[in-house]
Amino acid sequence: MPLKISENKLLTHAKAREILRNLGRELNQFQKKTLEYLDVFSKVNAEDAEKLVEELVSSFDLEVKEAVQIVNCMPESVEELRVFFPRYKLIPTEKLQEMLSLLDKYRK
């Protein structure tokens, strides 16, 4: 029986992994493949990912969608971090360094 969509919400990879693991039933083939992908590419646990998204949004005035993508990828350099922002949103290098320091606190 397919799952019913009850709400649309941006999720980090870690949160999606947690949801799939806690479904309490056997996963279909698509869900199993998704879980395998998330096991490989989730960089932090669900609780830390949620905290990190909140910190990025509140401390650096980011949109939730930007923060979620940053947490999903966990960039390791200023150049990698710049990719997440449109050209019109110029963020000073010092701010990007601060973001990287915050990300470093949560790395596995």
N, C-alpha and C. Protein backbone atom coordinates (compact mmCIF):
# COMPACT_ATOMS: atom_id res chain seq x y z
N MET A 1 0.85 -1.17 0.00
CA MET A 1 0.00 0.00 0.00
C MET A 1 0.90 1.24 0.00
N PRO A 2 0.70 2.16 -0.93
CA PRO A 2 1.54 3.36 -0.98
C PRO A 2 1.27 4.30 0.20
N LEU A 3 2.29 5.07 0.50
CA LEU A 3 2.14 6.06 1.57
C LEU A 3 1.32 7.23 1.07
N LYS A 4 0.56 7.81 1.96
CA LYS A 4 -0.25 8.98 1.63
C LYS A 4 0.55 10.23 2.00
N ILE A 5 0.58 11.20 1.12
CA ILE A 5 1.27 12.46 1.40
C ILE A 5 0.36 13.33 2.25
N SER A 6 0.84 13.62 3.46
CA SER A 6 0.03 14.44 4.35
C SER A 6 0.52 15.89 4.41
N GLU A 7 1.80 16.11 4.09
CA GLU A 7 2.32 17.47 4.03
C GLU A 7 3.59 17.49 3.20
N ASN A 8 3.89 18.63 2.66
CA ASN A 8 5.09 18.85 1.87
C ASN A 8 6.07 19.62 2.74
N LYS A 9 7.24 19.08 2.97
CA LYS A 9 8.21 19.74 3.85
C LYS A 9 9.62 19.44 3.38
N LEU A 10 10.49 20.44 3.44
CA LEU A 10 11.90 20.21 3.12
C LEU A 10 12.53 19.36 4.21
N LEU A 11 13.24 18.31 3.81
CA LEU A 11 13.90 17.43 4.76
C LEU A 11 15.38 17.29 4.43
N THR A 12 16.17 17.17 5.45
CA THR A 12 17.57 16.83 5.23
C THR A 12 17.65 15.34 4.90
N HIS A 13 18.75 14.93 4.33
CA HIS A 13 18.96 13.50 4.07
C HIS A 13 18.85 12.71 5.37
N ALA A 14 19.42 13.25 6.43
CA ALA A 14 19.43 12.55 7.71
C ALA A 14 18.01 12.32 8.23
N LYS A 15 17.15 13.32 8.12
CA LYS A 15 15.77 13.19 8.58
C LYS A 15 15.00 12.18 7.72
N ALA A 16 15.21 12.22 6.41
CA ALA A 16 14.56 11.27 5.51
C ALA A 16 15.00 9.84 5.85
N ARG A 17 16.29 9.67 6.13
CA ARG A 17 16.81 8.35 6.53
C ARG A 17 16.13 7.88 7.81
N GLU A 18 16.00 8.77 8.78
CA GLU A 18 15.36 8.41 10.05
C GLU A 18 13.89 8.00 9.82
N ILE A 19 13.19 8.74 9.00
CA ILE A 19 11.79 8.41 8.71
C ILE A 19 11.67 7.03 8.06
N LEU A 20 12.51 6.76 7.07
CA LEU A 20 12.46 5.45 6.41
C LEU A 20 12.80 4.32 7.38
N ARG A 21 13.77 4.52 8.23
CA ARG A 21 14.15 3.49 9.20
C ARG A 21 13.04 3.22 10.21
N ASN A 22 12.22 4.23 10.49
CA ASN A 22 11.19 4.10 11.52
C ASN A 22 9.79 3.85 10.96
N LEU A 23 9.69 3.45 9.71
CA LEU A 23 8.36 3.21 9.13
C LEU A 23 7.63 2.05 9.82
N GLY A 24 8.36 1.10 10.37
CA GLY A 24 7.74 0.00 11.08
C GLY A 24 7.11 -1.04 10.18
N ARG A 25 7.52 -1.09 8.96
CA ARG A 25 7.03 -2.09 8.02
C ARG A 25 8.12 -2.35 6.99
N GLU A 26 7.93 -3.39 6.21
CA GLU A 26 8.91 -3.70 5.17
C GLU A 26 8.88 -2.62 4.09
N LEU A 27 10.05 -2.21 3.68
CA LEU A 27 10.17 -1.17 2.66
C LEU A 27 10.02 -1.77 1.27
N ASN A 28 9.41 -1.01 0.37
CA ASN A 28 9.36 -1.47 -1.02
C ASN A 28 10.72 -1.24 -1.67
N GLN A 29 10.88 -1.68 -2.90
CA GLN A 29 12.18 -1.60 -3.57
C GLN A 29 12.68 -0.16 -3.68
N PHE A 30 11.80 0.77 -4.03
CA PHE A 30 12.19 2.18 -4.16
C PHE A 30 12.65 2.73 -2.81
N GLN A 31 11.93 2.42 -1.75
CA GLN A 31 12.29 2.89 -0.42
C GLN A 31 13.61 2.29 0.05
N LYS A 32 13.85 1.02 -0.27
CA LYS A 32 15.12 0.38 0.09
C LYS A 32 16.30 1.05 -0.61
N LYS A 33 16.14 1.33 -1.89
CA LYS A 33 17.21 2.00 -2.65
C LYS A 33 17.45 3.41 -2.11
N THR A 34 16.36 4.09 -1.78
CA THR A 34 16.49 5.43 -1.22
C THR A 34 17.22 5.38 0.11
N LEU A 35 16.89 4.42 0.95
CA LEU A 35 17.56 4.27 2.25
C LEU A 35 19.04 3.95 2.06
N GLU A 36 19.36 3.10 1.10
CA GLU A 36 20.77 2.79 0.82
C GLU A 36 21.53 4.06 0.43
N TYR A 37 20.92 4.86 -0.43
CA TYR A 37 21.53 6.13 -0.84
C TYR A 37 21.73 7.04 0.37
N LEU A 38 20.70 7.17 1.19
CA LEU A 38 20.77 8.06 2.35
C LEU A 38 21.79 7.58 3.37
N ASP A 39 21.94 6.26 3.51
CA ASP A 39 22.96 5.73 4.42
C ASP A 39 24.36 6.14 3.99
N VAL A 40 24.56 6.20 2.68
CA VAL A 40 25.88 6.57 2.15
C VAL A 40 26.11 8.08 2.22
N PHE A 41 25.09 8.86 1.88
CA PHE A 41 25.30 10.29 1.70
C PHE A 41 24.85 11.19 2.85
N SER A 42 24.23 10.65 3.87
CA SER A 42 23.88 11.47 5.04
C SER A 42 25.15 11.75 5.82
N LYS A 43 25.41 13.01 6.07
CA LYS A 43 26.67 13.41 6.69
C LYS A 43 26.57 13.61 8.20
N VAL A 44 25.36 13.75 8.72
CA VAL A 44 25.15 13.93 10.17
C VAL A 44 23.88 13.17 10.56
N ASN A 45 23.65 13.02 11.86
CA ASN A 45 22.42 12.36 12.28
C ASN A 45 21.25 13.35 12.19
N ALA A 46 20.03 12.83 12.29
CA ALA A 46 18.83 13.65 12.08
C ALA A 46 18.72 14.79 13.08
N GLU A 47 19.02 14.51 14.33
CA GLU A 47 18.91 15.55 15.37
C GLU A 47 19.89 16.69 15.11
N ASP A 48 21.14 16.33 14.81
CA ASP A 48 22.15 17.35 14.53
C ASP A 48 21.81 18.12 13.25
N ALA A 49 21.29 17.43 12.26
CA ALA A 49 20.93 18.09 11.00
C ALA A 49 19.86 19.15 11.25
N GLU A 50 18.87 18.81 12.07
CA GLU A 50 17.81 19.76 12.38
C GLU A 50 18.36 20.98 13.12
N LYS A 51 19.22 20.74 14.09
CA LYS A 51 19.84 21.85 14.84
C LYS A 51 20.67 22.73 13.91
N LEU A 52 21.42 22.09 13.05
CA LEU A 52 22.31 22.83 12.15
C LEU A 52 21.51 23.69 11.17
N VAL A 53 20.42 23.16 10.64
CA VAL A 53 19.56 23.95 9.75
C VAL A 53 19.05 25.17 10.50
N GLU A 54 18.57 24.96 11.71
CA GLU A 54 18.06 26.08 12.51
C GLU A 54 19.14 27.13 12.77
N GLU A 55 20.34 26.67 13.10
CA GLU A 55 21.44 27.62 13.36
C GLU A 55 21.82 28.40 12.11
N LEU A 56 21.87 27.72 10.98
CA LEU A 56 22.22 28.41 9.73
C LEU A 56 21.16 29.46 9.37
N VAL A 57 19.90 29.12 9.56
CA VAL A 57 18.82 30.05 9.24
C VAL A 57 18.85 31.25 10.18
N SER A 58 18.99 30.99 11.48
CA SER A 58 18.94 32.09 12.44
C SER A 58 20.22 32.91 12.50
N SER A 59 21.36 32.27 12.41
CA SER A 59 22.63 32.99 12.55
C SER A 59 23.09 33.69 11.27
N PHE A 60 22.73 33.13 10.14
CA PHE A 60 23.25 33.67 8.88
C PHE A 60 22.16 34.16 7.94
N ASP A 61 20.94 34.22 8.43
CA ASP A 61 19.82 34.75 7.65
C ASP A 61 19.65 34.02 6.32
N LEU A 62 19.77 32.70 6.36
CA LEU A 62 19.58 31.90 5.16
C LEU A 62 18.14 31.46 5.04
N GLU A 63 17.73 31.12 3.85
CA GLU A 63 16.43 30.50 3.64
C GLU A 63 16.55 29.03 4.06
N VAL A 64 15.45 28.45 4.47
CA VAL A 64 15.47 27.04 4.91
C VAL A 64 15.97 26.14 3.79
N LYS A 65 15.54 26.39 2.56
CA LYS A 65 15.97 25.53 1.45
C LYS A 65 17.48 25.60 1.24
N GLU A 66 18.08 26.77 1.44
CA GLU A 66 19.54 26.89 1.32
C GLU A 66 20.21 26.11 2.44
N ALA A 67 19.71 26.28 3.65
CA ALA A 67 20.31 25.61 4.81
C ALA A 67 20.21 24.09 4.68
N VAL A 68 19.08 23.58 4.22
CA VAL A 68 18.90 22.13 4.05
C VAL A 68 19.91 21.59 3.04
N GLN A 69 20.07 22.28 1.91
CA GLN A 69 21.02 21.81 0.91
C GLN A 69 22.46 21.85 1.42
N ILE A 70 22.78 22.87 2.18
CA ILE A 70 24.13 22.96 2.75
C ILE A 70 24.36 21.80 3.72
N VAL A 71 23.39 21.52 4.57
CA VAL A 71 23.53 20.42 5.53
C VAL A 71 23.61 19.08 4.80
N ASN A 72 22.85 18.92 3.73
CA ASN A 72 22.89 17.67 2.96
C ASN A 72 24.27 17.42 2.36
N CYS A 73 24.94 18.48 1.93
CA CYS A 73 26.24 18.34 1.26
C CYS A 73 27.44 18.55 2.17
N MET A 74 27.26 19.31 3.24
CA MET A 74 28.33 19.60 4.19
C MET A 74 29.64 20.01 3.49
N PRO A 75 29.61 21.12 2.74
CA PRO A 75 30.81 21.57 2.02
C PRO A 75 31.98 21.81 2.98
N GLU A 76 33.18 21.64 2.45
CA GLU A 76 34.38 21.74 3.28
C GLU A 76 35.25 22.94 2.95
N SER A 77 34.87 23.73 1.96
CA SER A 77 35.66 24.90 1.61
C SER A 77 34.74 26.06 1.24
N VAL A 78 35.31 27.25 1.24
CA VAL A 78 34.55 28.44 0.86
C VAL A 78 34.05 28.31 -0.58
N GLU A 79 34.88 27.79 -1.47
CA GLU A 79 34.49 27.63 -2.86
C GLU A 79 33.31 26.68 -2.99
N GLU A 80 33.32 25.58 -2.25
CA GLU A 80 32.20 24.64 -2.28
C GLU A 80 30.94 25.28 -1.71
N LEU A 81 31.09 26.09 -0.68
CA LEU A 81 29.96 26.73 -0.03
C LEU A 81 29.31 27.80 -0.92
N ARG A 82 30.11 28.52 -1.70
CA ARG A 82 29.59 29.57 -2.59
C ARG A 82 28.60 29.02 -3.61
N VAL A 83 28.73 27.76 -3.97
CA VAL A 83 27.86 27.13 -4.97
C VAL A 83 26.39 27.19 -4.55
N PHE A 84 26.13 27.26 -3.28
CA PHE A 84 24.76 27.20 -2.77
C PHE A 84 24.01 28.54 -2.82
N PHE A 85 24.70 29.57 -3.25
CA PHE A 85 24.10 30.90 -3.25
C PHE A 85 24.07 31.47 -4.66
N PRO A 86 22.96 32.10 -5.03
CA PRO A 86 22.89 32.72 -6.36
C PRO A 86 23.88 33.87 -6.47
N ARG A 87 24.23 34.22 -7.67
CA ARG A 87 25.21 35.30 -7.90
C ARG A 87 24.80 36.62 -7.28
N TYR A 88 23.51 36.90 -7.28
CA TYR A 88 23.05 38.18 -6.73
C TYR A 88 23.14 38.23 -5.20
N LYS A 89 23.34 37.10 -4.57
CA LYS A 89 23.43 37.06 -3.11
C LYS A 89 24.90 36.90 -2.72
N LEU A 90 25.60 38.00 -2.78
CA LEU A 90 27.03 37.99 -2.47
C LEU A 90 27.24 37.95 -0.96
N ILE A 91 27.89 36.91 -0.51
CA ILE A 91 28.14 36.73 0.92
C ILE A 91 29.64 36.89 1.15
N PRO A 92 30.01 37.75 2.09
CA PRO A 92 31.44 37.97 2.35
C PRO A 92 32.14 36.68 2.77
N THR A 93 33.38 36.57 2.38
CA THR A 93 34.18 35.39 2.70
C THR A 93 34.22 35.12 4.20
N GLU A 94 34.25 36.18 5.01
CA GLU A 94 34.30 36.01 6.47
C GLU A 94 33.06 35.26 6.97
N LYS A 95 31.90 35.61 6.39
CA LYS A 95 30.64 34.94 6.77
C LYS A 95 30.68 33.47 6.35
N LEU A 96 31.21 33.22 5.18
CA LEU A 96 31.31 31.84 4.69
C LEU A 96 32.25 31.03 5.58
N GLN A 97 33.33 31.65 6.03
CA GLN A 97 34.25 30.98 6.95
C GLN A 97 33.55 30.64 8.26
N GLU A 98 32.71 31.56 8.75
CA GLU A 98 31.95 31.31 9.97
C GLU A 98 30.99 30.14 9.77
N MET A 99 30.36 30.09 8.61
CA MET A 99 29.46 28.97 8.31
C MET A 99 30.23 27.65 8.31
N LEU A 100 31.42 27.67 7.69
CA LEU A 100 32.23 26.45 7.66
C LEU A 100 32.64 26.02 9.06
N SER A 101 32.94 26.97 9.92
CA SER A 101 33.28 26.64 11.31
C SER A 101 32.10 25.97 12.01
N LEU A 102 30.91 26.47 11.75
CA LEU A 102 29.71 25.86 12.33
C LEU A 102 29.52 24.45 11.78
N LEU A 103 29.68 24.27 10.49
CA LEU A 103 29.56 22.95 9.89
C LEU A 103 30.58 21.97 10.47
N ASP A 104 31.80 22.46 10.70
CA ASP A 104 32.86 21.62 11.26
C ASP A 104 32.49 21.07 12.63
N LYS A 105 31.73 21.82 13.41
CA LYS A 105 31.31 21.35 14.73
C LYS A 105 30.40 20.12 14.64
N TYR A 106 29.73 19.95 13.52
CA TYR A 106 28.77 18.86 13.36
C TYR A 106 29.25 17.71 12.50
N ARG A 107 30.42 17.83 11.92
CA ARG A 107 30.90 16.76 11.03
C ARG A 107 31.13 15.46 11.79
N LYS A 108 30.86 14.35 11.10
CA LYS A 108 31.11 13.01 11.68
C LYS A 108 32.59 12.78 11.80
